[in-house]
């Protein structure tokens, strides 16, 4: 007889912000929740983004019964095309999220190739042994849901990203009644968003932004340029409403921003009259006081529209002195440097920049401490697992759970890859599964290793020195003077003088080499350069024999 065992397998989103992916396994069936990506950290040179390690899912692909997506943000859908290349199963999501998934898959040449199934908040679907109930939650994008996952081992509540906004922009508050109903049925485990676990109080309502936008629009004499995530559909609506109040036309710029705007309007999540929208070409010829431009780049990404505007390299339009630029987002942890560098450059180009530190032009879409306590009270779980956040967030969320009465031994603060098992209602740790970063670099997925990252860091720090040797075919006799080339290596004194000394050192080393000549030369040159400059460039030796 099989054990009545439920396994919870975090593949991303624990100990980090982004890359959210959770797997639930019962007997020989697996349910996957979310397939997110994460922005690279500043020292991850050349990396476009990071996705979860799905080795465990590939090893057990015949067991995967389906994928559920809680909402349409990139940290929850950004890796979907990579996952579908390996695992073809039905994907369940609400209408707006389905629309965003279709657009994303189309951009990667996968239009029509996925089995996308639309569900509504309030509905439930049976996926293998899992009965998944979708309940509405407020977030910074419409159509977000949390999940009640009924399994033979018990009921698990998976919050998704949420906040308890009593006055949401779409007038659709979180489903408190369903959460209370779960508690009546008995919740085995609650897995809840920890992003703002270190923020006291309540997260302000999205409505706060309306007043801030009105103030910005009333004071702006030139164009207003608003940067936001392309998936913040509710922010698009708020900007469009403010534009109408102040008699300005809106231009949406950027492929993802335009795609999401069209999806939002088509599905009824955006109500913007056609005659209040213009193209960027039309906007350029209109009086500056009658234009609002909404674009991407609120995280300071160099290739985004705002990033290119800050460096003067955007094709469609430039910053004009007197423009008011609004960054309607909060910097993702670790990305603050990029954001503030972009802000500084925009100021240099003559723009007036307004960001979160100056005015309430952004509010978080995530619950703060009091809302987290309320969720725990509403669901009354036996066990609690904090998710979605850095380790400091998970630990603080665990503290909050203890404050409202969850015993410490019933709280599991996990790391990615650490399996958690529930057997006959009791919690225990299982084995670990692969959960390392999978780097996406151009078209390469997972082919950049930690060793390659270390090499890139070394190259960026100290540069490269290349030694070309021309040797006799059958001996180590030099046929000409060693050639020394360098890139990114700066020395304290005259370059020619130090490279002359390096050539002498190479000649001496070649004359007495009796083992691996290339290795001996690399070591000799590296040691000499460090002794002279206290820098460690990567040294490469190329040997040609004639």
Protein backbone atom coordinates (compact mmCIF):
# COMPACT_ATOMS: atom_id res chain seq x y z
CA UNK A 1 0.00 0.00 0.00
CA UNK A 2 1.37 3.43 -1.03
CA UNK A 3 2.11 6.06 1.60
CA UNK A 4 -0.36 8.94 1.76
CA UNK A 5 2.50 11.31 0.91
CA UNK A 6 2.44 14.82 -0.58
CA UNK A 7 5.78 16.26 -1.71
CA UNK A 8 6.33 20.01 -2.14
CA UNK A 9 9.36 20.78 -4.32
CA UNK A 10 10.52 24.43 -4.58
CA UNK A 11 12.44 24.87 -7.86
CA UNK A 12 12.74 28.68 -7.62
CA UNK A 13 11.58 31.73 -5.68
CA UNK A 14 12.91 30.75 -2.25
CA UNK A 15 15.92 32.77 -1.10
CA UNK A 16 15.56 35.13 -4.07
CA UNK A 17 13.14 37.58 -5.67
CA UNK A 18 11.89 36.10 -8.92
CA UNK A 19 12.30 32.74 -10.71
CA UNK A 20 9.15 31.50 -8.98
CA UNK A 21 8.36 27.83 -9.54
CA UNK A 22 6.82 25.25 -7.20
CA UNK A 23 6.04 21.59 -7.85
CA UNK A 24 3.51 19.50 -5.92
CA UNK A 25 3.87 15.73 -6.21
CA UNK A 26 1.44 13.07 -5.05
CA UNK A 27 2.27 9.43 -5.87
CA UNK A 28 3.18 9.48 -9.58
CA UNK A 29 1.66 12.86 -10.56
CA UNK A 30 3.21 16.33 -10.47
CA UNK A 31 1.49 19.73 -10.58
CA UNK A 32 3.70 22.72 -11.43
CA UNK A 33 2.79 26.24 -10.26
CA UNK A 34 4.38 29.15 -12.16
CA UNK A 35 7.42 29.25 -14.45
CA UNK A 36 9.20 32.52 -13.68
CA UNK A 37 12.45 34.22 -14.58
CA UNK A 38 14.77 36.48 -12.57
CA UNK A 39 16.92 39.47 -13.47
CA UNK A 40 20.68 38.83 -13.26
CA UNK A 41 22.73 40.35 -10.46
CA UNK A 42 25.26 43.06 -11.29
CA UNK A 43 28.21 40.65 -11.30
CA UNK A 44 26.53 38.23 -13.75
CA UNK A 45 28.17 39.72 -16.82
CA UNK A 46 26.51 39.12 -20.16
CA UNK A 47 23.56 37.22 -18.67
CA UNK A 48 20.12 38.20 -19.99
CA UNK A 49 18.07 36.47 -17.28
CA UNK A 50 17.96 33.39 -15.03
CA UNK A 51 15.40 30.58 -15.07
CA UNK A 52 14.65 27.67 -12.72
CA UNK A 53 16.52 24.38 -12.95
CA UNK A 54 13.91 21.92 -14.26
CA UNK A 55 16.20 18.86 -14.18
CA UNK A 56 13.83 17.10 -11.75
CA UNK A 57 10.85 17.76 -14.01
CA UNK A 58 12.72 16.52 -17.10
CA UNK A 59 13.72 13.36 -15.25
CA UNK A 60 10.04 12.86 -14.33
CA UNK A 61 8.34 14.42 -17.37
CA UNK A 62 5.88 11.53 -17.70
CA UNK A 63 4.57 12.38 -14.22
CA UNK A 64 3.88 16.09 -14.90
CA UNK A 65 0.10 16.45 -15.19
CA UNK A 66 -0.20 20.18 -15.76
CA UNK A 67 1.05 23.71 -15.12
CA UNK A 68 -0.94 26.42 -13.31
CA UNK A 69 0.04 30.10 -13.64
CA UNK A 70 -1.10 32.48 -10.90
CA UNK A 71 -0.66 35.76 -12.84
CA UNK A 72 1.09 37.37 -15.78
CA UNK A 73 4.24 38.95 -14.34
CA UNK A 74 7.60 37.91 -15.76
CA UNK A 75 8.78 36.45 -12.45
CA UNK A 76 5.91 33.95 -12.84
CA UNK A 77 5.68 33.39 -16.63
CA UNK A 78 9.10 34.45 -17.97
CA UNK A 79 10.47 30.91 -18.38
CA UNK A 80 7.34 29.36 -19.91
CA UNK A 81 8.81 28.88 -23.40
CA UNK A 82 11.89 27.18 -21.97
CA UNK A 83 9.74 24.80 -19.93
CA UNK A 84 7.47 23.99 -22.89
CA UNK A 85 10.47 23.05 -25.00
CA UNK A 86 11.02 20.17 -22.56
CA UNK A 87 7.57 19.36 -21.15
CA UNK A 88 4.32 19.52 -23.13
CA UNK A 89 1.36 19.55 -20.73
CA UNK A 90 -1.83 21.62 -20.36
CA UNK A 91 -1.41 25.11 -18.90
CA UNK A 92 -4.23 26.60 -16.81
CA UNK A 93 -4.59 30.35 -16.20
CA UNK A 94 -7.12 33.19 -16.08
CA UNK A 95 -8.05 35.10 -19.28
CA UNK A 96 -5.57 37.99 -19.02
CA UNK A 97 -2.74 35.66 -18.05
CA UNK A 98 -3.58 33.40 -21.02
CA UNK A 99 -3.44 36.45 -23.30
CA UNK A 100 -0.02 37.43 -21.96
CA UNK A 101 1.21 33.84 -22.34
CA UNK A 102 0.01 33.71 -25.96
CA UNK A 103 1.86 36.94 -26.76
CA UNK A 104 5.05 35.72 -25.09
CA UNK A 105 4.96 32.35 -26.84
CA UNK A 106 4.31 34.06 -30.19
CA UNK A 107 7.46 36.18 -29.72
CA UNK A 108 9.46 32.96 -29.43
CA UNK A 109 7.89 31.26 -32.46
CA UNK A 110 5.64 29.01 -30.37
CA UNK A 111 2.25 30.48 -31.25
CA UNK A 112 -0.46 27.83 -31.21
CA UNK A 113 1.92 25.14 -29.98
CA UNK A 114 0.85 25.18 -26.32
CA UNK A 115 -2.25 23.65 -24.76
CA UNK A 116 -3.56 26.78 -23.01
CA UNK A 117 -6.77 26.38 -20.99
CA UNK A 118 -8.66 29.37 -19.63
CA UNK A 119 -10.14 29.27 -16.13
CA UNK A 120 -11.94 31.94 -14.13
CA UNK A 121 -11.38 32.93 -10.51
CA UNK A 122 -13.96 30.97 -8.53
CA UNK A 123 -13.70 27.90 -10.75
CA UNK A 124 -11.87 24.65 -10.04
CA UNK A 125 -10.18 22.05 -12.25
CA UNK A 126 -9.05 18.49 -11.63
CA UNK A 127 -5.42 17.95 -12.64
CA UNK A 128 -4.48 14.36 -11.85
CA UNK A 129 -5.04 13.85 -8.12
CA UNK A 130 -5.05 17.62 -7.54
CA UNK A 131 -8.30 19.58 -7.40
CA UNK A 132 -7.18 23.17 -7.94
CA UNK A 133 -9.54 25.96 -6.83
CA UNK A 134 -8.75 29.42 -8.21
CA UNK A 135 -9.56 32.37 -5.95
CA UNK A 136 -9.09 36.02 -6.84
CA UNK A 137 -6.33 38.08 -5.16
CA UNK A 138 -5.40 41.73 -5.60
CA UNK A 139 -1.96 42.40 -7.01
CA UNK A 140 -0.41 45.00 -9.32
CA UNK A 141 -1.84 43.20 -12.37
CA UNK A 142 -5.49 42.23 -12.92
CA UNK A 143 -6.70 38.63 -12.91
CA UNK A 144 -4.26 37.36 -10.28
CA UNK A 145 -5.26 34.23 -8.39
CA UNK A 146 -4.22 32.17 -5.44
CA UNK A 147 -4.79 28.42 -5.35
CA UNK A 148 -6.52 26.01 -3.06
CA UNK A 149 -4.94 22.65 -3.93
CA UNK A 150 -7.00 19.76 -2.59
CA UNK A 151 -4.98 16.54 -2.45
CA UNK A 152 -5.63 13.14 -0.87
CA UNK A 153 -3.06 14.19 1.76
CA UNK A 154 -4.84 17.44 2.64
CA UNK A 155 -5.63 20.97 1.48
CA UNK A 156 -2.74 23.28 0.57
CA UNK A 157 -3.29 27.02 0.04
CA UNK A 158 -0.79 28.66 -2.36
CA UNK A 159 -1.23 32.43 -2.09
CA UNK A 160 0.51 33.58 -5.26
CA UNK A 161 1.49 37.27 -5.14
CA UNK A 162 -1.21 39.15 -3.23
CA UNK A 163 -2.20 42.16 -1.18
CA UNK A 164 -5.43 43.01 0.63
CA UNK A 165 -6.42 46.17 -1.25
CA UNK A 166 -9.89 47.33 -0.17
CA UNK A 167 -10.10 49.88 -3.04
CA UNK A 168 -8.41 48.21 -6.02
CA UNK A 169 -8.34 49.99 -9.37
CA UNK A 170 -10.53 47.29 -10.96
CA UNK A 171 -12.94 47.28 -7.97
CA UNK A 172 -12.35 43.54 -7.48
CA UNK A 173 -11.05 42.88 -3.94
CA UNK A 174 -9.39 39.65 -2.82
CA UNK A 175 -11.73 36.72 -2.10
CA UNK A 176 -11.79 36.78 1.71
CA UNK A 177 -14.81 34.44 1.80
CA UNK A 178 -12.96 31.66 -0.02
CA UNK A 179 -9.99 31.99 2.35
CA UNK A 180 -12.32 31.69 5.32
CA UNK A 181 -14.01 28.69 3.73
CA UNK A 182 -10.64 26.97 3.37
CA UNK A 183 -10.09 27.36 7.10
CA UNK A 184 -13.46 25.68 7.78
CA UNK A 185 -12.34 22.70 5.69
CA UNK A 186 -8.96 22.55 7.43
CA UNK A 187 -5.76 23.80 5.78
CA UNK A 188 -2.85 21.38 5.99
CA UNK A 189 -0.30 23.94 4.79
CA UNK A 190 -0.20 27.58 3.70
CA UNK A 191 2.49 28.69 1.26
CA UNK A 192 2.50 32.49 1.18
CA UNK A 193 4.27 35.40 -0.50
CA UNK A 194 7.03 36.90 1.70
CA UNK A 195 8.25 39.76 -0.51
CA UNK A 196 7.34 42.54 1.96
CA UNK A 197 7.75 40.58 5.20
CA UNK A 198 10.05 43.29 6.58
CA UNK A 199 7.54 46.12 5.91
CA UNK A 200 5.30 46.95 8.92
CA UNK A 201 1.69 47.92 8.56
CA UNK A 202 -0.47 47.62 5.44
CA UNK A 203 0.50 48.11 1.80
CA UNK A 204 -1.20 51.27 0.46
CA UNK A 205 -3.99 50.90 -2.07
CA UNK A 206 -3.29 51.32 -5.79
CA UNK A 207 -5.68 54.29 -5.61
CA UNK A 208 -2.93 56.33 -3.90
CA UNK A 209 -1.24 56.60 -7.28
CA UNK A 210 -4.16 58.52 -8.80
CA UNK A 211 -3.48 61.52 -6.57
CA UNK A 212 0.27 61.37 -7.24
CA UNK A 213 -0.29 61.24 -11.01
CA UNK A 214 -2.67 64.20 -10.81
CA UNK A 215 0.02 66.22 -9.05
CA UNK A 216 2.65 65.27 -11.63
CA UNK A 217 0.36 66.11 -14.57
CA UNK A 218 -0.75 69.42 -13.07
CA UNK A 219 2.85 70.60 -12.63
CA UNK A 220 4.34 69.26 -15.89
CA UNK A 221 4.78 71.88 -18.60
CA UNK A 222 6.29 69.57 -21.22
CA UNK A 223 5.79 65.92 -22.09
CA UNK A 224 5.14 63.34 -19.38
CA UNK A 225 7.04 60.07 -19.90
CA UNK A 226 6.00 57.23 -17.59
CA UNK A 227 8.10 54.08 -17.30
CA UNK A 228 6.57 50.94 -15.87
CA UNK A 229 6.58 47.19 -16.31
CA UNK A 230 4.77 46.25 -19.50
CA UNK A 231 2.58 43.86 -17.51
CA UNK A 232 1.20 46.51 -15.11
CA UNK A 233 -2.14 46.73 -16.89
CA UNK A 234 -3.78 48.59 -14.00
CA UNK A 235 -1.05 51.24 -14.17
CA UNK A 236 -1.81 51.74 -17.87
CA UNK A 237 -5.44 52.40 -16.94
CA UNK A 238 -4.48 54.88 -14.25
CA UNK A 239 -2.14 56.75 -16.62
CA UNK A 240 -4.82 56.83 -19.33
CA UNK A 241 -7.39 58.16 -16.84
CA UNK A 242 -5.01 60.90 -15.66
CA UNK A 243 -4.21 61.79 -19.28
CA UNK A 244 -7.92 62.30 -20.02
CA UNK A 245 -8.38 64.41 -16.90
CA UNK A 246 -5.56 66.72 -18.06
CA UNK A 247 -6.41 66.64 -21.77
CA UNK A 248 -3.34 64.74 -22.91
CA UNK A 249 -3.15 61.94 -25.50
CA UNK A 250 -1.31 58.71 -24.66
CA UNK A 251 1.33 56.98 -26.78
CA UNK A 252 2.32 53.44 -25.74
CA UNK A 253 5.86 52.68 -26.87
CA UNK A 254 7.73 49.38 -27.03
CA UNK A 255 6.69 46.00 -28.40
CA UNK A 256 5.77 44.41 -25.06
CA UNK A 257 3.98 47.53 -23.82
CA UNK A 258 1.91 47.77 -27.02
CA UNK A 259 1.17 44.03 -27.08
CA UNK A 260 -0.05 44.04 -23.48
CA UNK A 261 -2.10 47.18 -24.03
CA UNK A 262 -3.87 45.54 -26.98
CA UNK A 263 -4.47 42.34 -24.99
CA UNK A 264 -5.84 44.31 -22.03
CA UNK A 265 -8.24 46.29 -24.26
CA UNK A 266 -9.36 43.21 -26.20
CA UNK A 267 -10.19 41.29 -23.02
CA UNK A 268 -11.86 44.23 -21.32
CA UNK A 269 -9.25 44.86 -18.63
CA UNK A 270 -8.35 48.25 -20.14
CA UNK A 271 -10.90 50.91 -21.03
CA UNK A 272 -9.12 53.52 -23.13
CA UNK A 273 -11.07 55.24 -25.93
CA UNK A 274 -9.38 54.95 -29.33
CA UNK A 275 -9.36 58.73 -29.83
CA UNK A 276 -7.28 59.25 -26.67
CA UNK A 277 -4.39 57.15 -28.05
CA UNK A 278 -1.78 58.24 -30.59
CA UNK A 279 1.31 56.69 -32.14
CA UNK A 280 4.75 57.90 -31.10
CA UNK A 281 5.11 59.46 -34.58
CA UNK A 282 1.97 61.53 -33.97
CA UNK A 283 3.10 62.39 -30.44
CA UNK A 284 6.36 63.85 -31.75
CA UNK A 285 4.49 66.41 -33.83
CA UNK A 286 1.99 67.41 -31.12
CA UNK A 287 2.44 70.22 -28.56
CA UNK A 288 4.55 68.85 -25.70
CA UNK A 289 1.93 69.81 -23.11
CA UNK A 290 -0.63 67.51 -24.77
CA UNK A 291 1.37 64.27 -24.74
CA UNK A 292 1.91 61.36 -22.36
CA UNK A 293 4.32 58.58 -23.37
CA UNK A 294 4.20 55.25 -21.56
CA UNK A 295 7.18 52.94 -22.03
CA UNK A 296 9.30 50.22 -20.45
CA UNK A 297 12.58 50.59 -18.57
CA UNK A 298 11.62 51.34 -14.98
CA UNK A 299 14.36 48.93 -13.81
CA UNK A 300 17.08 50.82 -15.71
CA UNK A 301 17.65 47.99 -18.19
CA UNK A 302 20.23 49.32 -20.71
CA UNK A 303 18.35 47.91 -23.73
CA UNK A 304 14.93 49.24 -22.63
CA UNK A 305 13.41 52.42 -24.02
CA UNK A 306 14.08 54.45 -20.86
CA UNK A 307 17.61 53.03 -20.65
CA UNK A 308 18.29 54.14 -24.25
CA UNK A 309 16.65 57.53 -23.63
CA UNK A 310 19.06 58.10 -20.73
CA UNK A 311 22.06 57.52 -23.03
CA UNK A 312 20.64 59.30 -26.10
CA UNK A 313 20.51 56.13 -28.20
CA UNK A 314 16.74 55.64 -28.57
CA UNK A 315 15.61 55.53 -32.21
CA UNK A 316 12.03 56.77 -31.97
CA UNK A 317 12.40 59.85 -29.77
CA UNK A 318 14.82 61.64 -27.43
CA UNK A 319 14.58 63.36 -24.07
CA UNK A 320 13.75 67.04 -24.47
CA UNK A 321 14.75 69.46 -21.67
CA UNK A 322 11.57 70.05 -19.70
CA UNK A 323 10.27 66.50 -20.03
CA UNK A 324 8.89 65.00 -16.81
CA UNK A 325 9.93 61.35 -16.43
CA UNK A 326 8.10 59.17 -13.90
CA UNK A 327 9.49 55.81 -12.79
CA UNK A 328 6.36 54.00 -11.63
CA UNK A 329 7.98 50.98 -10.00
CA UNK A 330 10.16 49.91 -7.10
CA UNK A 331 13.72 48.74 -7.88
CA UNK A 332 13.97 44.96 -7.76
CA UNK A 333 16.42 44.04 -4.95
CA UNK A 334 19.93 44.05 -6.38
CA UNK A 335 18.91 46.32 -9.26
CA UNK A 336 19.09 49.65 -7.44
CA UNK A 337 22.41 50.61 -9.04
CA UNK A 338 21.01 50.36 -12.58
CA UNK A 339 17.91 52.34 -11.66
CA UNK A 340 19.75 55.23 -10.00
CA UNK A 341 22.34 55.37 -12.80
CA UNK A 342 19.49 55.79 -15.28
CA UNK A 343 17.86 58.49 -13.12
CA UNK A 344 21.13 60.42 -12.95
CA UNK A 345 21.58 60.27 -16.73
CA UNK A 346 18.02 61.47 -17.32
CA UNK A 347 18.64 64.48 -15.05
CA UNK A 348 21.83 65.19 -17.03
CA UNK A 349 19.80 65.25 -20.24
CA UNK A 350 17.46 67.92 -18.84
CA UNK A 351 14.52 65.84 -17.63
CA UNK A 352 12.73 66.29 -14.33
CA UNK A 353 12.67 62.79 -12.86
CA UNK A 354 10.10 61.65 -10.31
CA UNK A 355 10.51 58.30 -8.60
CA UNK A 356 9.26 56.43 -5.54
CA UNK A 357 11.53 58.26 -3.06
CA UNK A 358 10.11 61.62 -4.14
CA UNK A 359 6.39 60.96 -4.65
CA UNK A 360 3.98 57.99 -4.25
CA UNK A 361 4.07 57.17 -7.98
CA UNK A 362 4.29 53.46 -7.18
CA UNK A 363 2.88 51.21 -4.49
CA UNK A 364 3.83 47.62 -3.94
CA UNK A 365 1.62 44.83 -5.18
CA UNK A 366 2.64 42.66 -2.24
CA UNK A 367 1.22 42.27 1.25
CA UNK A 368 2.94 43.93 4.20
CA UNK A 369 3.14 42.49 7.72
CA UNK A 370 -0.43 43.15 8.87
CA UNK A 371 -1.87 41.60 5.71
CA UNK A 372 0.37 38.57 6.15
CA UNK A 373 -0.98 38.13 9.67
CA UNK A 374 -4.55 38.47 8.36
CA UNK A 375 -3.96 35.74 5.76
CA UNK A 376 -2.66 33.43 8.47
CA UNK A 377 -5.72 34.20 10.63
CA UNK A 378 -8.13 33.67 7.74
CA UNK A 379 -6.71 30.29 6.67
CA UNK A 380 -5.59 28.91 10.07
CA UNK A 381 -3.05 26.49 8.57
CA UNK A 382 -1.54 23.62 10.54
CA UNK A 383 1.80 24.12 8.79
CA UNK A 384 3.31 27.22 7.21
CA UNK A 385 5.89 27.60 4.42
CA UNK A 386 7.03 31.14 3.53
CA UNK A 387 7.88 31.56 -0.18
CA UNK A 388 8.73 34.28 -2.72
CA UNK A 389 11.55 36.30 -1.21
CA UNK A 390 15.14 36.48 -0.10
CA UNK A 391 16.16 34.51 2.99
CA UNK A 392 15.68 37.59 5.19
CA UNK A 393 12.08 37.85 3.97
CA UNK A 394 11.35 34.16 4.55
CA UNK A 395 12.80 34.29 8.07
CA UNK A 396 10.82 37.41 8.97
CA UNK A 397 7.63 35.85 7.63
CA UNK A 398 8.30 32.82 9.83
CA UNK A 399 8.57 35.18 12.83
CA UNK A 400 5.21 36.75 11.93
CA UNK A 401 3.63 33.29 11.73
CA UNK A 402 4.86 32.48 15.23
CA UNK A 403 3.45 35.80 16.48
CA UNK A 404 -0.04 34.75 15.37
CA UNK A 405 0.20 31.31 16.91
CA UNK A 406 1.81 28.90 14.44
CA UNK A 407 4.26 26.71 16.44
CA UNK A 408 7.89 27.08 15.38
CA UNK A 409 8.13 23.33 14.69
CA UNK A 410 5.26 23.67 12.19
CA UNK A 411 7.08 26.28 10.07
CA UNK A 412 9.44 25.22 7.28
CA UNK A 413 11.81 27.89 5.94
CA UNK A 414 13.11 26.13 2.85
CA UNK A 415 15.77 26.67 0.23
CA UNK A 416 15.29 25.96 -3.46
CA UNK A 417 15.60 22.24 -4.10
CA UNK A 418 14.79 21.18 -0.52
CA UNK A 419 11.84 18.79 -0.74
CA UNK A 420 9.18 19.01 1.98
CA UNK A 421 6.99 15.95 2.61
CA UNK A 422 3.64 15.55 4.35
CA UNK A 423 2.98 11.93 5.35
CA UNK A 424 -0.32 11.17 7.09
CA UNK A 425 -0.58 14.81 8.12
CA UNK A 426 2.96 15.08 9.55
CA UNK A 427 5.68 17.30 8.06
CA UNK A 428 9.25 16.19 7.39
CA UNK A 429 12.17 17.14 5.16
CA UNK A 430 12.87 14.97 2.13
CA UNK A 431 15.85 14.80 -0.19
CA UNK A 432 17.27 17.66 -2.26
CA UNK A 433 16.78 18.02 -6.00
CA UNK A 434 18.79 20.14 -8.49
CA UNK A 435 17.95 23.84 -8.16
CA UNK A 436 20.96 25.79 -9.42
CA UNK A 437 20.76 28.95 -11.52
CA UNK A 438 20.23 28.30 -15.23
CA UNK A 439 21.69 31.28 -17.08
CA UNK A 440 20.19 32.47 -20.36
CA UNK A 441 22.84 34.20 -22.47
CA UNK A 442 21.60 35.15 -25.94
CA UNK A 443 20.30 31.93 -27.46
CA UNK A 444 22.25 29.78 -25.00
CA UNK A 445 20.30 28.23 -22.13
CA UNK A 446 22.28 26.66 -19.31
CA UNK A 447 25.57 26.58 -21.22
CA UNK A 448 27.14 29.32 -19.07
CA UNK A 449 28.56 27.64 -15.97
CA UNK A 450 29.73 29.14 -12.69
CA UNK A 451 33.29 28.71 -13.97
CA UNK A 452 32.50 30.80 -17.06
CA UNK A 453 30.99 33.49 -14.81
CA UNK A 454 34.18 33.55 -12.73
CA UNK A 455 36.26 33.89 -15.90
CA UNK A 456 34.09 36.78 -17.11
CA UNK A 457 34.48 38.49 -13.76
CA UNK A 458 38.26 38.06 -13.91
CA UNK A 459 38.38 39.39 -17.47
CA UNK A 460 36.28 42.41 -16.54
CA UNK A 461 38.42 43.12 -13.50
CA UNK A 462 41.98 42.75 -14.79
CA UNK A 463 41.78 42.16 -18.54
CA UNK A 464 43.73 39.76 -20.73
CA UNK A 465 47.35 39.37 -21.83
CA UNK A 466 48.09 37.22 -24.90
CA UNK A 467 51.58 35.84 -25.58
CA UNK A 468 52.30 34.64 -29.15
CA UNK A 469 55.31 32.34 -29.57
CA UNK A 470 56.88 31.21 -32.87
CA UNK A 471 59.02 28.13 -32.22
CA UNK A 472 61.15 25.78 -34.30
CA UNK A 473 59.25 22.66 -35.35
CA UNK A 474 61.31 20.14 -33.37
CA UNK A 475 62.72 22.25 -30.53
CA UNK A 476 61.71 25.06 -28.21
CA UNK A 477 63.96 27.52 -30.03
CA UNK A 478 62.30 30.90 -30.55
CA UNK A 479 62.24 31.95 -34.21
CA UNK A 480 61.33 35.55 -33.36
CA UNK A 481 60.80 37.77 -30.36
CA UNK A 482 57.68 36.92 -28.34
CA UNK A 483 54.65 39.04 -29.26
CA UNK A 484 52.68 40.49 -26.33
CA UNK A 485 49.11 41.77 -26.77
CA UNK A 486 46.73 43.03 -24.08
CA UNK A 487 43.11 44.10 -23.74
CA UNK A 488 41.66 45.77 -20.65
CA UNK A 489 44.98 45.50 -18.77
CA UNK A 490 46.22 48.82 -17.46
CA UNK A 491 49.66 49.13 -15.89
CA UNK A 492 50.93 51.80 -13.56
CA UNK A 493 53.95 52.70 -15.62
CA UNK A 494 54.83 52.82 -19.33
CA UNK A 495 53.27 49.84 -21.11
CA UNK A 496 56.18 49.33 -23.52
CA UNK A 497 58.70 49.21 -20.70
CA UNK A 498 56.84 46.53 -18.76
CA UNK A 499 56.11 44.47 -21.88
CA UNK A 500 59.81 44.55 -22.81
CA UNK A 501 60.50 43.02 -19.41
CA UNK A 502 57.74 40.45 -20.00
CA UNK A 503 59.35 39.45 -23.33
CA UNK A 504 62.67 38.84 -21.52
CA UNK A 505 60.86 36.76 -18.87
CA UNK A 506 59.12 34.72 -21.61
CA UNK A 507 62.40 34.15 -23.47
CA UNK A 508 64.09 32.91 -20.28
CA UNK A 509 61.17 30.61 -19.46
CA UNK A 510 61.08 29.11 -22.98
CA UNK A 511 64.82 28.44 -22.96
CA UNK A 512 64.65 26.31 -19.81
CA UNK A 513 61.16 24.79 -20.20
CA UNK A 514 61.20 21.01 -19.83
CA UNK A 515 57.54 20.28 -19.10
CA UNK A 516 54.40 22.01 -20.24
CA UNK A 517 55.78 25.07 -22.00
CA UNK A 518 52.46 26.91 -22.23
CA UNK A 519 51.71 26.41 -18.54
CA UNK A 520 55.24 27.47 -17.53
CA UNK A 521 55.00 30.67 -19.58
CA UNK A 522 51.49 31.49 -18.28
CA UNK A 523 52.67 31.08 -14.69
CA UNK A 524 55.87 33.07 -15.21
CA UNK A 525 54.09 35.97 -16.93
CA UNK A 526 51.24 35.97 -14.40
CA UNK A 527 53.64 36.01 -11.42
CA UNK A 528 55.78 38.74 -12.96
CA UNK A 529 52.81 41.01 -13.80
CA UNK A 530 51.35 40.57 -10.32
CA UNK A 531 54.72 41.39 -8.74
CA UNK A 532 54.99 44.56 -10.80
CA UNK A 533 51.37 45.77 -10.91
CA UNK A 534 49.41 43.82 -8.24
CA UNK A 535 46.93 42.88 -10.98
CA UNK A 536 46.06 39.40 -12.20
CA UNK A 537 45.09 39.54 -15.88
CA UNK A 538 44.18 36.26 -17.56
CA UNK A 539 47.28 35.13 -19.45
CA UNK A 540 46.95 33.06 -22.61
CA UNK A 541 49.89 31.57 -24.51
CA UNK A 542 49.57 30.70 -28.19
CA UNK A 543 52.35 28.48 -29.64
CA UNK A 544 52.93 28.19 -33.40
CA UNK A 545 55.65 25.83 -34.72
CA UNK A 546 57.41 26.24 -38.07
